[in-house]
Structures are given as C-alpha cells and as structure tokens.
C-alpha cells in the first residue's frame, strides 16, 4: 500500500495499491523490462533537495523517473498514467489561485513529466470522487475504482500496450 509522500519501483511482480482524493499518482511501466512503479504526492510543487521529496509532484516525479533510468529503462519504453486530482469535498476550492488543489496537482504532474520528455498515455484526473488504484507492475495492468459512497463504484481497467509505440 502506497501512502501519500511515497513512491516505489518494483523490479519483481507486485501489486501496488493506493487511494487518491486531491492527491495524484503517476504510474510508469517499462514495456520492455516489464517493471512498474508509482508515486503518490500531495502538492504539485515545493520539493526540496533533501526533505519530503515524495510529497511534491515536481520532485516525486523526478525521483520515480530517475529510478527507472538508473535501472536501465529508456524513456520511449515507458507507458505513463496520471491519476487522481479530484475535488473531493471541495478540497482546495478556496485556494488563492482559484484553481482547485486536485487540478493543480494534476497539472503539476503533467508539467514535471513534459520537462523530462515524457508524454502521457492515460490520464484520469479531476471530478469529485476519490479513486482506488491497483497496479500490477509485471504486466502494466491498472484497475481504477471510483469511491463516492453514493453510487456503486465504477471500475476501469487499463492494460499496457506490450508492443509499445514511442
């Protein structure tokens, strides 16, 4: 289970789970090496060089990606998901910028990934419902469920493109 402020890259088969509200998770899957990883951050920017890097999208995305590259992954072999960033219970609606916290987090993830030369293959962000993720790292399968307590949860499945087109 991945808590806010954490990230992991699994070099062996694993299932990573987490729950997101206004937080965002970025999932990466190397289609060639068959490894996957995920981060779970709370705020879009503000990471320092040493402290709380996992809590902020700019540094959490950099650290996750750097771990893949250090392990031998190539950017064009990575499949990328950006998930979360909901306005659960009106989170962040009174922000000085007028942009909800979840939307700022999602935009921060997209910006951090673009700076590193990555596009996004799958994006499910925004809305008003929390989401539960289950990511199977060895095959790039992601199960996404909405959680709102009022209606039955919807499940969406994503599977990595094994052939992978850059």
N, C-alpha and C. Protein backbone atom coordinates (compact mmCIF):
# COMPACT_ATOMS: atom_id res chain seq x y z
N UNK A 1 0.86 -1.18 0.00
CA UNK A 1 0.00 0.00 0.00
C UNK A 1 0.89 1.23 0.00
N UNK A 2 0.65 2.14 -0.92
CA UNK A 2 1.46 3.34 -1.06
C UNK A 2 0.75 4.51 -0.37
N UNK A 3 1.41 5.07 0.62
CA UNK A 3 0.88 6.21 1.37
C UNK A 3 1.26 7.52 0.67
N UNK A 4 0.55 8.60 0.98
CA UNK A 4 0.94 9.90 0.42
C UNK A 4 2.39 10.21 0.78
N UNK A 5 3.13 10.71 -0.20
CA UNK A 5 4.52 11.05 0.01
C UNK A 5 5.49 9.91 -0.29
N UNK A 6 4.97 8.77 -0.73
CA UNK A 6 5.83 7.62 -1.03
C UNK A 6 5.86 7.35 -2.52
N UNK A 7 6.90 6.64 -2.94
CA UNK A 7 6.98 6.13 -4.31
C UNK A 7 7.75 4.81 -4.26
N UNK A 8 7.51 3.97 -5.27
CA UNK A 8 8.16 2.67 -5.32
C UNK A 8 8.32 2.24 -6.78
N UNK A 9 9.42 1.54 -7.05
CA UNK A 9 9.61 0.86 -8.32
C UNK A 9 9.82 -0.61 -7.99
N UNK A 10 8.97 -1.46 -8.54
CA UNK A 10 9.03 -2.90 -8.25
C UNK A 10 9.76 -3.60 -9.40
N UNK A 11 10.88 -4.21 -9.07
CA UNK A 11 11.66 -4.94 -10.08
C UNK A 11 11.22 -6.39 -10.19
N UNK A 12 10.32 -6.81 -9.32
CA UNK A 12 9.69 -8.12 -9.37
C UNK A 12 8.19 -7.91 -9.35
N UNK A 13 7.45 -8.95 -9.69
CA UNK A 13 5.99 -8.85 -9.74
C UNK A 13 5.45 -8.35 -8.40
N UNK A 14 4.59 -7.33 -8.46
CA UNK A 14 3.97 -6.77 -7.26
C UNK A 14 2.66 -6.11 -7.65
N UNK A 15 1.81 -5.94 -6.65
CA UNK A 15 0.60 -5.14 -6.83
C UNK A 15 0.71 -3.96 -5.90
N UNK A 16 0.69 -2.76 -6.47
CA UNK A 16 0.77 -1.53 -5.69
C UNK A 16 -0.64 -0.97 -5.61
N UNK A 17 -1.10 -0.65 -4.42
CA UNK A 17 -2.44 -0.07 -4.25
C UNK A 17 -2.32 1.26 -3.52
N UNK A 18 -3.27 2.12 -3.76
CA UNK A 18 -3.37 3.38 -3.04
C UNK A 18 -4.76 3.96 -3.25
N UNK A 19 -5.09 4.96 -2.46
CA UNK A 19 -6.36 5.69 -2.60
C UNK A 19 -6.02 7.16 -2.77
N UNK A 20 -6.65 7.80 -3.75
CA UNK A 20 -6.40 9.19 -4.08
C UNK A 20 -7.66 10.02 -3.95
N UNK A 21 -7.52 11.20 -3.40
CA UNK A 21 -8.55 12.22 -3.44
C UNK A 21 -8.01 13.34 -4.31
N UNK A 22 -7.57 14.43 -3.67
CA UNK A 22 -6.94 15.52 -4.43
C UNK A 22 -5.49 15.19 -4.77
N UNK A 23 -4.94 14.16 -4.12
CA UNK A 23 -3.58 13.71 -4.44
C UNK A 23 -3.54 13.14 -5.85
N UNK A 24 -2.34 13.03 -6.38
CA UNK A 24 -2.14 12.46 -7.71
C UNK A 24 -1.13 11.34 -7.62
N UNK A 25 -1.32 10.32 -8.44
CA UNK A 25 -0.34 9.25 -8.60
C UNK A 25 0.09 9.22 -10.05
N UNK A 26 1.37 8.99 -10.24
CA UNK A 26 1.91 8.73 -11.57
C UNK A 26 2.38 7.28 -11.57
N UNK A 27 1.91 6.51 -12.53
CA UNK A 27 2.34 5.12 -12.69
C UNK A 27 3.18 5.04 -13.96
N UNK A 28 4.31 4.37 -13.86
CA UNK A 28 5.17 4.13 -15.01
C UNK A 28 5.32 2.63 -15.20
N UNK A 29 5.31 2.20 -16.46
CA UNK A 29 5.52 0.80 -16.80
C UNK A 29 6.50 0.71 -17.95
N UNK A 30 7.58 -0.02 -17.75
CA UNK A 30 8.56 -0.24 -18.81
C UNK A 30 8.11 -1.46 -19.59
N UNK A 31 7.66 -1.24 -20.82
CA UNK A 31 7.11 -2.31 -21.66
C UNK A 31 8.15 -3.36 -22.04
N UNK A 32 9.41 -2.99 -22.08
CA UNK A 32 10.47 -3.91 -22.47
C UNK A 32 10.97 -4.70 -21.26
N UNK A 33 11.27 -4.01 -20.18
CA UNK A 33 11.84 -4.65 -19.00
C UNK A 33 10.77 -5.25 -18.09
N UNK A 34 9.51 -4.90 -18.33
CA UNK A 34 8.37 -5.44 -17.57
C UNK A 34 8.47 -5.11 -16.08
N UNK A 35 8.77 -3.84 -15.79
CA UNK A 35 8.77 -3.38 -14.41
C UNK A 35 7.86 -2.17 -14.31
N UNK A 36 7.31 -1.95 -13.12
CA UNK A 36 6.41 -0.83 -12.92
C UNK A 36 6.68 -0.11 -11.62
N UNK A 37 6.19 1.10 -11.54
CA UNK A 37 6.34 1.88 -10.32
C UNK A 37 5.26 2.95 -10.23
N UNK A 38 5.15 3.52 -9.04
CA UNK A 38 4.11 4.52 -8.78
C UNK A 38 4.60 5.50 -7.73
N UNK A 39 4.15 6.75 -7.84
CA UNK A 39 4.31 7.70 -6.75
C UNK A 39 2.92 8.15 -6.31
N UNK A 40 2.86 8.84 -5.17
CA UNK A 40 1.59 9.34 -4.62
C UNK A 40 1.95 10.64 -3.90
N UNK A 41 1.62 11.77 -4.52
CA UNK A 41 2.02 13.05 -3.93
C UNK A 41 0.82 13.92 -3.57
N UNK A 42 1.07 14.86 -2.66
CA UNK A 42 0.02 15.69 -2.09
C UNK A 42 -0.08 17.09 -2.69
N UNK A 43 1.05 17.65 -3.10
CA UNK A 43 1.08 19.02 -3.61
C UNK A 43 1.91 19.06 -4.89
N UNK A 44 1.59 19.97 -5.78
CA UNK A 44 2.22 20.00 -7.10
C UNK A 44 3.70 20.34 -7.06
N UNK A 45 4.07 21.33 -6.30
CA UNK A 45 5.47 21.77 -6.28
C UNK A 45 5.90 22.09 -4.86
N UNK A 46 7.21 22.23 -4.71
CA UNK A 46 7.75 22.64 -3.41
C UNK A 46 8.76 21.69 -2.84
N UNK A 47 9.08 20.62 -3.55
CA UNK A 47 10.06 19.67 -3.04
C UNK A 47 11.43 20.30 -2.93
N UNK A 48 12.14 19.97 -1.86
CA UNK A 48 13.50 20.48 -1.69
C UNK A 48 14.47 19.41 -2.16
N UNK A 49 15.74 19.72 -2.07
CA UNK A 49 16.75 18.75 -2.47
C UNK A 49 16.80 17.55 -1.54
N UNK A 50 16.41 17.71 -0.29
CA UNK A 50 16.62 16.64 0.67
C UNK A 50 15.38 16.20 1.44
N UNK A 51 14.46 17.08 1.73
CA UNK A 51 13.35 16.76 2.62
C UNK A 51 12.03 16.62 1.88
N UNK A 52 11.26 15.63 2.28
CA UNK A 52 9.87 15.47 1.83
C UNK A 52 9.70 15.47 0.31
N UNK A 53 10.65 14.96 -0.41
CA UNK A 53 10.59 14.98 -1.88
C UNK A 53 9.37 14.24 -2.41
N UNK A 54 8.96 13.18 -1.74
CA UNK A 54 7.84 12.39 -2.20
C UNK A 54 6.49 13.07 -2.05
N UNK A 55 6.42 14.12 -1.26
CA UNK A 55 5.16 14.81 -1.01
C UNK A 55 4.78 15.78 -2.14
N UNK A 56 5.75 16.10 -3.01
CA UNK A 56 5.56 17.13 -4.03
C UNK A 56 5.74 16.54 -5.42
N UNK A 57 4.83 16.89 -6.32
CA UNK A 57 4.83 16.31 -7.65
C UNK A 57 6.10 16.55 -8.44
N UNK A 58 6.67 17.75 -8.32
CA UNK A 58 7.87 18.03 -9.12
C UNK A 58 9.01 17.08 -8.76
N UNK A 59 9.28 16.90 -7.48
CA UNK A 59 10.39 16.03 -7.07
C UNK A 59 10.00 14.56 -7.05
N UNK A 60 8.75 14.24 -6.72
CA UNK A 60 8.32 12.83 -6.70
C UNK A 60 8.38 12.23 -8.10
N UNK A 61 7.99 13.00 -9.12
CA UNK A 61 8.05 12.51 -10.50
C UNK A 61 9.50 12.37 -10.94
N UNK A 62 10.34 13.34 -10.60
CA UNK A 62 11.76 13.26 -10.95
C UNK A 62 12.41 12.03 -10.32
N UNK A 63 12.14 11.78 -9.04
CA UNK A 63 12.75 10.65 -8.35
C UNK A 63 12.27 9.31 -8.91
N UNK A 64 10.98 9.20 -9.19
CA UNK A 64 10.44 7.97 -9.76
C UNK A 64 11.07 7.70 -11.12
N UNK A 65 11.10 8.70 -11.96
CA UNK A 65 11.67 8.54 -13.29
C UNK A 65 13.17 8.24 -13.22
N UNK A 66 13.88 8.91 -12.33
CA UNK A 66 15.32 8.68 -12.19
C UNK A 66 15.60 7.24 -11.79
N UNK A 67 14.77 6.65 -10.96
CA UNK A 67 14.96 5.27 -10.55
C UNK A 67 14.81 4.34 -11.77
N UNK A 68 13.84 4.60 -12.62
CA UNK A 68 13.68 3.80 -13.84
C UNK A 68 14.91 3.92 -14.74
N UNK A 69 15.37 5.16 -14.96
CA UNK A 69 16.52 5.39 -15.84
C UNK A 69 17.77 4.73 -15.25
N UNK A 70 17.98 4.86 -13.95
CA UNK A 70 19.13 4.24 -13.30
C UNK A 70 19.08 2.72 -13.39
N UNK A 71 17.89 2.18 -13.53
CA UNK A 71 17.71 0.72 -13.65
C UNK A 71 17.85 0.24 -15.09
N UNK A 72 18.05 1.16 -16.03
CA UNK A 72 18.24 0.77 -17.42
C UNK A 72 17.06 1.02 -18.33
N UNK A 73 16.00 1.64 -17.84
CA UNK A 73 14.84 1.93 -18.69
C UNK A 73 15.15 3.09 -19.64
N UNK A 74 14.54 3.04 -20.81
CA UNK A 74 14.64 4.13 -21.77
C UNK A 74 13.30 4.85 -21.80
N UNK A 75 13.34 6.16 -21.94
CA UNK A 75 12.11 6.96 -21.88
C UNK A 75 11.06 6.48 -22.86
N UNK A 76 11.45 6.10 -24.07
CA UNK A 76 10.46 5.72 -25.09
C UNK A 76 9.89 4.32 -24.85
N UNK A 77 10.39 3.60 -23.84
CA UNK A 77 9.82 2.31 -23.48
C UNK A 77 8.78 2.43 -22.35
N UNK A 78 8.62 3.64 -21.81
CA UNK A 78 7.74 3.82 -20.66
C UNK A 78 6.32 4.16 -21.08
N UNK A 79 5.38 3.49 -20.44
CA UNK A 79 3.97 3.85 -20.55
C UNK A 79 3.64 4.65 -19.29
N UNK A 80 2.87 5.74 -19.44
CA UNK A 80 2.66 6.69 -18.36
C UNK A 80 1.18 6.89 -18.08
N UNK A 81 0.80 6.79 -16.80
CA UNK A 81 -0.55 7.10 -16.34
C UNK A 81 -0.46 8.26 -15.35
N UNK A 82 -1.40 9.19 -15.41
CA UNK A 82 -1.56 10.23 -14.40
C UNK A 82 -2.99 10.12 -13.90
N UNK A 83 -3.14 9.95 -12.58
CA UNK A 83 -4.44 9.63 -11.99
C UNK A 83 -4.68 10.45 -10.72
N UNK A 84 -5.94 10.74 -10.46
CA UNK A 84 -6.32 11.43 -9.22
C UNK A 84 -6.67 12.88 -9.46
N UNK A 85 -6.34 13.72 -8.50
CA UNK A 85 -6.57 15.14 -8.65
C UNK A 85 -8.03 15.55 -8.59
N UNK A 86 -8.81 14.83 -7.78
CA UNK A 86 -10.24 15.16 -7.66
C UNK A 86 -10.45 16.33 -6.69
N UNK A 87 -11.61 16.91 -6.76
CA UNK A 87 -12.03 17.94 -5.80
C UNK A 87 -12.99 17.29 -4.82
N UNK A 88 -12.45 16.41 -4.00
CA UNK A 88 -13.26 15.67 -3.03
C UNK A 88 -13.66 16.62 -1.90
N UNK A 89 -14.95 16.74 -1.69
CA UNK A 89 -15.43 17.61 -0.62
C UNK A 89 -15.05 19.06 -0.81
N UNK A 90 -14.82 19.46 -2.05
CA UNK A 90 -14.45 20.85 -2.33
C UNK A 90 -13.02 21.17 -1.96
N UNK A 91 -12.14 20.15 -1.86
CA UNK A 91 -10.75 20.35 -1.45
C UNK A 91 -10.07 21.40 -2.31
N UNK A 92 -9.54 22.42 -1.65
CA UNK A 92 -8.74 23.42 -2.32
C UNK A 92 -9.52 24.45 -3.11
N UNK A 93 -10.85 24.46 -3.00
CA UNK A 93 -11.62 25.40 -3.81
C UNK A 93 -11.42 26.85 -3.38
N UNK A 94 -10.99 27.04 -2.14
CA UNK A 94 -10.77 28.41 -1.67
C UNK A 94 -9.32 28.84 -1.83
N UNK A 95 -8.57 28.13 -2.65
CA UNK A 95 -7.17 28.47 -2.87
C UNK A 95 -7.06 29.86 -3.46
N UNK A 96 -5.98 30.59 -3.11
CA UNK A 96 -5.80 31.95 -3.65
C UNK A 96 -5.79 31.98 -5.17
N UNK A 97 -5.30 30.93 -5.81
CA UNK A 97 -5.22 30.92 -7.27
C UNK A 97 -6.59 30.72 -7.91
N UNK A 98 -7.56 30.23 -7.12
CA UNK A 98 -8.87 29.92 -7.67
C UNK A 98 -8.92 28.58 -8.37
N UNK A 99 -7.78 27.91 -8.47
CA UNK A 99 -7.72 26.59 -9.11
C UNK A 99 -7.73 25.54 -8.00
N UNK A 100 -8.64 24.57 -8.07
CA UNK A 100 -8.71 23.55 -7.02
C UNK A 100 -7.39 22.80 -6.86
N UNK A 101 -7.12 22.36 -5.65
CA UNK A 101 -5.89 21.66 -5.32
C UNK A 101 -5.67 20.46 -6.24
N UNK A 102 -6.69 19.64 -6.46
CA UNK A 102 -6.55 18.47 -7.32
C UNK A 102 -6.14 18.83 -8.73
N UNK A 103 -6.73 19.88 -9.27
CA UNK A 103 -6.38 20.32 -10.62
C UNK A 103 -4.94 20.83 -10.68
N UNK A 104 -4.50 21.53 -9.63
CA UNK A 104 -3.11 21.99 -9.58
C UNK A 104 -2.16 20.80 -9.52
N UNK A 105 -2.53 19.77 -8.75
CA UNK A 105 -1.69 18.58 -8.64
C UNK A 105 -1.57 17.86 -9.98
N UNK A 106 -2.68 17.69 -10.68
CA UNK A 106 -2.66 17.02 -11.98
C UNK A 106 -1.81 17.82 -12.97
N UNK A 107 -2.00 19.12 -13.00
CA UNK A 107 -1.21 19.97 -13.91
C UNK A 107 0.27 19.90 -13.57
N UNK A 108 0.57 19.84 -12.28
CA UNK A 108 1.97 19.73 -11.85
C UNK A 108 2.62 18.44 -12.33
N UNK A 109 1.88 17.35 -12.27
CA UNK A 109 2.40 16.06 -12.74
C UNK A 109 2.67 16.12 -14.23
N UNK A 110 1.72 16.63 -14.99
CA UNK A 110 1.88 16.72 -16.44
C UNK A 110 3.08 17.59 -16.80
N UNK A 111 3.25 18.69 -16.09
CA UNK A 111 4.37 19.59 -16.35
C UNK A 111 5.70 18.91 -16.03
N UNK A 112 5.78 18.22 -14.89
CA UNK A 112 7.02 17.53 -14.50
C UNK A 112 7.39 16.46 -15.51
N UNK A 113 6.40 15.73 -16.02
CA UNK A 113 6.67 14.68 -17.00
C UNK A 113 7.11 15.27 -18.34
N UNK A 114 6.46 16.35 -18.76
CA UNK A 114 6.84 17.01 -20.02
C UNK A 114 8.27 17.54 -19.96
N UNK A 115 8.65 18.10 -18.81
CA UNK A 115 10.02 18.61 -18.65
C UNK A 115 11.06 17.51 -18.87
N UNK A 116 10.69 16.28 -18.57
CA UNK A 116 11.60 15.14 -18.73
C UNK A 116 11.41 14.44 -20.07
N UNK A 117 10.57 15.00 -20.94
CA UNK A 117 10.40 14.45 -22.28
C UNK A 117 9.40 13.32 -22.39
N UNK A 118 8.53 13.19 -21.40
CA UNK A 118 7.53 12.12 -21.43
C UNK A 118 6.15 12.65 -21.77
N UNK A 119 5.44 11.91 -22.61
CA UNK A 119 4.03 12.16 -22.84
C UNK A 119 3.22 11.29 -21.90
N UNK A 120 1.93 11.47 -21.88
CA UNK A 120 1.05 10.70 -21.02
C UNK A 120 0.17 9.81 -21.89
N UNK A 121 0.19 8.51 -21.59
CA UNK A 121 -0.61 7.56 -22.36
C UNK A 121 -2.05 7.48 -21.85
N UNK A 122 -2.22 7.62 -20.54
CA UNK A 122 -3.55 7.51 -19.92
C UNK A 122 -3.65 8.58 -18.82
N UNK A 123 -4.70 9.37 -18.88
CA UNK A 123 -4.93 10.39 -17.85
C UNK A 123 -6.37 10.29 -17.39
N UNK A 124 -6.55 10.08 -16.08
CA UNK A 124 -7.88 10.09 -15.47
C UNK A 124 -7.75 10.99 -14.24
N UNK A 125 -8.09 12.25 -14.43
CA UNK A 125 -7.95 13.23 -13.35
C UNK A 125 -9.21 14.07 -13.23
N UNK A 126 -9.30 14.78 -12.12
CA UNK A 126 -10.43 15.68 -11.90
C UNK A 126 -11.63 14.97 -11.32
N UNK A 127 -12.77 15.57 -11.48
CA UNK A 127 -14.00 15.03 -10.92
C UNK A 127 -14.13 15.33 -9.44
N UNK A 128 -15.10 14.68 -8.80
CA UNK A 128 -15.36 14.94 -7.38
C UNK A 128 -15.24 13.67 -6.53
N UNK A 129 -14.88 12.56 -7.13
CA UNK A 129 -14.81 11.29 -6.41
C UNK A 129 -13.38 10.84 -6.19
N UNK A 130 -13.15 10.25 -5.03
CA UNK A 130 -11.86 9.63 -4.76
C UNK A 130 -11.73 8.39 -5.65
N UNK A 131 -10.50 7.90 -5.76
CA UNK A 131 -10.23 6.73 -6.60
C UNK A 131 -9.32 5.75 -5.86
N UNK A 132 -9.59 4.46 -6.07
CA UNK A 132 -8.72 3.41 -5.56
C UNK A 132 -7.99 2.79 -6.74
N UNK A 133 -6.66 2.68 -6.63
CA UNK A 133 -5.84 2.12 -7.69
C UNK A 133 -5.24 0.80 -7.26
N UNK A 134 -5.16 -0.13 -8.21
CA UNK A 134 -4.40 -1.36 -8.05
C UNK A 134 -3.58 -1.51 -9.32
N UNK A 135 -2.26 -1.48 -9.17
CA UNK A 135 -1.36 -1.52 -10.32
C UNK A 135 -0.51 -2.78 -10.24
N UNK A 136 -0.63 -3.64 -11.24
CA UNK A 136 0.17 -4.86 -11.32
C UNK A 136 1.42 -4.54 -12.15
N UNK A 137 2.55 -4.53 -11.45
CA UNK A 137 3.76 -3.99 -12.05
C UNK A 137 4.39 -4.86 -13.12
N UNK A 138 4.17 -6.15 -13.10
CA UNK A 138 4.84 -7.03 -14.07
C UNK A 138 4.18 -7.01 -15.44
N UNK A 139 2.92 -6.55 -15.51
CA UNK A 139 2.23 -6.57 -16.80
C UNK A 139 1.62 -5.21 -17.16
N UNK A 140 1.72 -4.23 -16.28
CA UNK A 140 1.19 -2.90 -16.57
C UNK A 140 -0.32 -2.84 -16.59
N UNK A 141 -0.95 -3.65 -15.74
CA UNK A 141 -2.42 -3.64 -15.65
C UNK A 141 -2.82 -2.74 -14.48
N UNK A 142 -3.72 -1.81 -14.74
CA UNK A 142 -4.18 -0.88 -13.72
C UNK A 142 -5.69 -1.00 -13.57
N UNK A 143 -6.14 -1.21 -12.35
CA UNK A 143 -7.57 -1.20 -12.03
C UNK A 143 -7.86 0.07 -11.26
N UNK A 144 -8.83 0.81 -11.71
CA UNK A 144 -9.19 2.10 -11.14
C UNK A 144 -10.66 2.07 -10.75
N UNK A 145 -10.95 2.32 -9.47
CA UNK A 145 -12.34 2.35 -9.00
C UNK A 145 -12.63 3.72 -8.42
N UNK A 146 -13.81 4.25 -8.72
CA UNK A 146 -14.23 5.49 -8.08
C UNK A 146 -14.86 5.16 -6.74
N UNK A 147 -14.70 6.09 -5.81
CA UNK A 147 -15.24 5.92 -4.47
C UNK A 147 -16.00 7.20 -4.13
N UNK A 148 -17.32 7.10 -4.03
CA UNK A 148 -18.04 8.30 -3.62
C UNK A 148 -19.09 8.03 -2.56
N UNK A 149 -19.35 6.77 -2.26
CA UNK A 149 -20.27 6.44 -1.19
C UNK A 149 -21.73 6.59 -1.53
N UNK A 150 -22.05 7.20 -2.67
CA UNK A 150 -23.45 7.42 -3.02
C UNK A 150 -23.95 6.47 -4.09
N UNK A 151 -23.07 6.12 -5.00
CA UNK A 151 -23.45 5.24 -6.11
C UNK A 151 -22.48 4.08 -6.16
N UNK A 152 -22.88 2.99 -6.82
CA UNK A 152 -21.94 1.87 -6.95
C UNK A 152 -20.67 2.34 -7.66
N UNK A 153 -19.55 1.84 -7.20
CA UNK A 153 -18.29 2.29 -7.78
C UNK A 153 -18.11 1.72 -9.18
N UNK A 154 -17.58 2.55 -10.04
CA UNK A 154 -17.28 2.14 -11.40
C UNK A 154 -15.85 1.65 -11.44
N UNK A 155 -15.60 0.60 -12.20
CA UNK A 155 -14.26 0.07 -12.34
C UNK A 155 -13.80 0.26 -13.78
N UNK A 156 -12.59 0.76 -13.93
CA UNK A 156 -11.98 0.92 -15.23
C UNK A 156 -10.69 0.13 -15.23
N UNK A 157 -10.45 -0.62 -16.28
CA UNK A 157 -9.21 -1.38 -16.41
C UNK A 157 -8.38 -0.81 -17.54
N UNK A 158 -7.09 -0.69 -17.30
CA UNK A 158 -6.15 -0.27 -18.32
C UNK A 158 -5.08 -1.35 -18.41
N UNK A 159 -4.68 -1.68 -19.60
CA UNK A 159 -3.58 -2.62 -19.79
C UNK A 159 -2.54 -1.95 -20.65
N UNK A 160 -1.29 -2.12 -20.27
CA UNK A 160 -0.20 -1.53 -21.04
C UNK A 160 -0.18 -2.11 -22.45
N UNK A 161 0.28 -1.31 -23.36
CA UNK A 161 0.45 -1.73 -24.75
C UNK A 161 1.79 -2.45 -24.86
N UNK A 162 1.78 -3.80 -24.91
CA UNK A 162 3.04 -4.53 -24.86
C UNK A 162 3.97 -4.26 -26.04
N UNK A 163 3.40 -3.93 -27.19
CA UNK A 163 4.24 -3.62 -28.34
C UNK A 163 4.89 -2.27 -28.19
N UNK A 164 4.18 -1.37 -27.55
CA UNK A 164 4.68 -0.04 -27.25
C UNK A 164 5.12 0.75 -28.46
N UNK A 165 4.44 1.81 -28.71
CA UNK A 165 4.86 2.70 -29.77
C UNK A 165 5.39 3.95 -29.12
N UNK A 166 6.59 4.37 -29.48
CA UNK A 166 7.16 5.57 -28.86
C UNK A 166 6.35 6.81 -29.16
